[in-house]
Amino acid sequence: MKHVEITPQRHLTEQEIKNLEEQFPYVAETSVRQAYFDALSSGNSVLIVENNQLLEVFPNGQKK
């Protein structure tokens, strides 16, 4: 991924905007997945939706 520096003097091209927009789903998914595992590995539980039910997942894998 190419780093694009944005300054008040520089504007993004249409292609740069399109490229950034295309990366959003991947970056969002990766960030959420990382936060999920970070929370569990630090000993915290995480809330998820599974089969239309809200479940709490614990670091040991138990779901409640």
N, C-alpha and C. Protein backbone atom coordinates (compact mmCIF):
# COMPACT_ATOMS: atom_id res chain seq x y z
N MET A 1 0.85 -1.16 0.00
CA MET A 1 0.00 0.00 0.00
C MET A 1 0.90 1.23 0.00
N LYS A 2 0.68 2.08 -0.96
CA LYS A 2 1.48 3.30 -1.11
C LYS A 2 1.00 4.36 -0.13
N HIS A 3 1.92 4.97 0.59
CA HIS A 3 1.58 6.04 1.52
C HIS A 3 1.43 7.34 0.74
N VAL A 4 0.31 8.01 0.96
CA VAL A 4 0.04 9.28 0.29
C VAL A 4 -0.02 10.35 1.37
N GLU A 5 0.88 11.31 1.30
CA GLU A 5 0.88 12.40 2.26
C GLU A 5 -0.14 13.45 1.85
N ILE A 6 -0.98 13.82 2.81
CA ILE A 6 -2.01 14.81 2.55
C ILE A 6 -1.66 16.07 3.34
N THR A 7 -1.48 17.14 2.64
CA THR A 7 -1.16 18.42 3.27
C THR A 7 -2.17 19.45 2.79
N PRO A 8 -2.26 20.59 3.46
CA PRO A 8 -3.20 21.61 2.99
C PRO A 8 -2.93 22.04 1.55
N GLN A 9 -1.70 21.91 1.08
CA GLN A 9 -1.35 22.33 -0.28
C GLN A 9 -1.60 21.23 -1.31
N ARG A 10 -1.79 19.99 -0.88
CA ARG A 10 -1.94 18.88 -1.82
C ARG A 10 -3.34 18.31 -1.74
N HIS A 11 -3.95 18.11 -2.88
CA HIS A 11 -5.28 17.52 -2.96
C HIS A 11 -5.17 16.13 -3.56
N LEU A 12 -6.05 15.24 -3.14
CA LEU A 12 -6.05 13.89 -3.69
C LEU A 12 -6.66 13.88 -5.08
N THR A 13 -6.09 13.01 -5.91
CA THR A 13 -6.68 12.83 -7.23
C THR A 13 -7.89 11.91 -7.10
N GLU A 14 -8.72 11.87 -8.13
CA GLU A 14 -9.88 10.97 -8.13
C GLU A 14 -9.44 9.53 -7.97
N GLN A 15 -8.35 9.15 -8.61
CA GLN A 15 -7.86 7.77 -8.51
C GLN A 15 -7.38 7.46 -7.10
N GLU A 16 -6.70 8.40 -6.46
CA GLU A 16 -6.25 8.19 -5.07
C GLU A 16 -7.44 8.03 -4.14
N ILE A 17 -8.48 8.83 -4.33
CA ILE A 17 -9.69 8.71 -3.52
C ILE A 17 -10.34 7.35 -3.73
N LYS A 18 -10.43 6.93 -4.98
CA LYS A 18 -11.02 5.62 -5.30
C LYS A 18 -10.22 4.50 -4.64
N ASN A 19 -8.90 4.58 -4.72
CA ASN A 19 -8.05 3.55 -4.11
C ASN A 19 -8.25 3.50 -2.60
N LEU A 20 -8.32 4.64 -1.95
CA LEU A 20 -8.54 4.68 -0.50
C LEU A 20 -9.91 4.11 -0.14
N GLU A 21 -10.94 4.46 -0.91
CA GLU A 21 -12.28 3.95 -0.65
C GLU A 21 -12.35 2.43 -0.80
N GLU A 22 -11.60 1.89 -1.75
CA GLU A 22 -11.59 0.44 -1.96
C GLU A 22 -10.91 -0.30 -0.81
N GLN A 23 -10.03 0.37 -0.09
CA GLN A 23 -9.30 -0.25 1.02
C GLN A 23 -10.12 -0.27 2.31
N PHE A 24 -11.16 0.57 2.40
CA PHE A 24 -11.93 0.68 3.64
C PHE A 24 -12.47 -0.65 4.16
N PRO A 25 -13.13 -1.47 3.36
CA PRO A 25 -13.67 -2.73 3.91
C PRO A 25 -12.58 -3.62 4.50
N TYR A 26 -11.46 -3.74 3.83
CA TYR A 26 -10.36 -4.58 4.33
C TYR A 26 -9.80 -4.02 5.64
N VAL A 27 -9.55 -2.72 5.67
CA VAL A 27 -8.98 -2.09 6.87
C VAL A 27 -9.96 -2.20 8.03
N ALA A 28 -11.24 -1.98 7.78
CA ALA A 28 -12.25 -2.08 8.84
C ALA A 28 -12.33 -3.51 9.39
N GLU A 29 -12.40 -4.49 8.50
CA GLU A 29 -12.47 -5.88 8.94
C GLU A 29 -11.25 -6.27 9.75
N THR A 30 -10.09 -5.89 9.27
CA THR A 30 -8.84 -6.21 9.97
C THR A 30 -8.80 -5.56 11.35
N SER A 31 -9.24 -4.32 11.44
CA SER A 31 -9.23 -3.60 12.71
C SER A 31 -10.19 -4.22 13.72
N VAL A 32 -11.38 -4.59 13.27
CA VAL A 32 -12.35 -5.21 14.17
C VAL A 32 -11.85 -6.57 14.65
N ARG A 33 -11.30 -7.35 13.74
CA ARG A 33 -10.76 -8.67 14.10
C ARG A 33 -9.63 -8.53 15.12
N GLN A 34 -8.75 -7.57 14.90
CA GLN A 34 -7.63 -7.35 15.82
C GLN A 34 -8.13 -6.91 17.19
N ALA A 35 -9.12 -6.02 17.24
CA ALA A 35 -9.69 -5.56 18.51
C ALA A 35 -10.34 -6.73 19.26
N TYR A 36 -11.02 -7.60 18.54
CA TYR A 36 -11.64 -8.79 19.14
C TYR A 36 -10.59 -9.64 19.85
N PHE A 37 -9.52 -9.97 19.14
CA PHE A 37 -8.48 -10.82 19.73
C PHE A 37 -7.69 -10.10 20.81
N ASP A 38 -7.48 -8.80 20.65
CA ASP A 38 -6.80 -8.03 21.69
C ASP A 38 -7.59 -8.05 22.99
N ALA A 39 -8.91 -7.87 22.89
CA ALA A 39 -9.76 -7.89 24.08
C ALA A 39 -9.71 -9.25 24.77
N LEU A 40 -9.86 -10.31 24.00
CA LEU A 40 -9.82 -11.65 24.59
C LEU A 40 -8.46 -11.97 25.19
N SER A 41 -7.40 -11.60 24.51
CA SER A 41 -6.06 -11.93 25.01
C SER A 41 -5.69 -11.11 26.25
N SER A 42 -6.38 -10.00 26.47
CA SER A 42 -6.11 -9.20 27.67
C SER A 42 -7.01 -9.61 28.84
N GLY A 43 -7.79 -10.69 28.65
CA GLY A 43 -8.61 -11.21 29.72
C GLY A 43 -10.03 -10.68 29.76
N ASN A 44 -10.41 -9.91 28.79
CA ASN A 44 -11.76 -9.35 28.74
C ASN A 44 -12.68 -10.22 27.89
N SER A 45 -13.98 -10.08 28.13
CA SER A 45 -14.95 -10.77 27.29
C SER A 45 -15.37 -9.84 26.15
N VAL A 46 -16.00 -10.44 25.14
CA VAL A 46 -16.42 -9.71 23.95
C VAL A 46 -17.87 -10.09 23.65
N LEU A 47 -18.68 -9.12 23.25
CA LEU A 47 -20.05 -9.41 22.83
C LEU A 47 -20.08 -9.63 21.33
N ILE A 48 -20.80 -10.68 20.91
CA ILE A 48 -20.96 -10.98 19.50
C ILE A 48 -22.42 -11.30 19.23
N VAL A 49 -22.80 -11.29 17.97
CA VAL A 49 -24.12 -11.74 17.56
C VAL A 49 -23.94 -13.04 16.80
N GLU A 50 -24.67 -14.06 17.26
CA GLU A 50 -24.60 -15.37 16.62
C GLU A 50 -26.02 -15.91 16.53
N ASN A 51 -26.47 -16.25 15.34
CA ASN A 51 -27.84 -16.72 15.12
C ASN A 51 -28.87 -15.75 15.71
N ASN A 52 -28.66 -14.47 15.47
CA ASN A 52 -29.56 -13.41 15.93
C ASN A 52 -29.66 -13.32 17.45
N GLN A 53 -28.68 -13.83 18.16
CA GLN A 53 -28.64 -13.73 19.62
C GLN A 53 -27.34 -13.04 20.04
N LEU A 54 -27.44 -12.22 21.06
CA LEU A 54 -26.28 -11.54 21.61
C LEU A 54 -25.62 -12.48 22.61
N LEU A 55 -24.35 -12.80 22.37
CA LEU A 55 -23.60 -13.70 23.24
C LEU A 55 -22.35 -13.02 23.76
N GLU A 56 -21.95 -13.42 24.95
CA GLU A 56 -20.70 -12.95 25.52
C GLU A 56 -19.67 -14.07 25.35
N VAL A 57 -18.54 -13.75 24.74
CA VAL A 57 -17.47 -14.72 24.53
C VAL A 57 -16.36 -14.40 25.54
N PHE A 58 -15.92 -15.42 26.25
CA PHE A 58 -14.89 -15.26 27.27
C PHE A 58 -13.54 -15.73 26.73
N PRO A 59 -12.45 -15.29 27.35
CA PRO A 59 -11.12 -15.68 26.86
C PRO A 59 -10.90 -17.18 26.76
N ASN A 60 -11.59 -17.97 27.58
CA ASN A 60 -11.44 -19.42 27.51
C ASN A 60 -12.28 -20.06 26.41
N GLY A 61 -13.02 -19.25 25.65
CA GLY A 61 -13.84 -19.74 24.55
C GLY A 61 -15.28 -20.00 24.91
N GLN A 62 -15.60 -19.94 26.19
CA GLN A 62 -16.98 -20.16 26.63
C GLN A 62 -17.87 -19.04 26.11
N LYS A 63 -19.08 -19.40 25.70
CA LYS A 63 -20.07 -18.43 25.25
C LYS A 63 -21.26 -18.50 26.20
N LYS A 64 -21.77 -17.33 26.53
CA LYS A 64 -22.88 -17.27 27.49
C LYS A 64 -23.96 -16.35 26.97
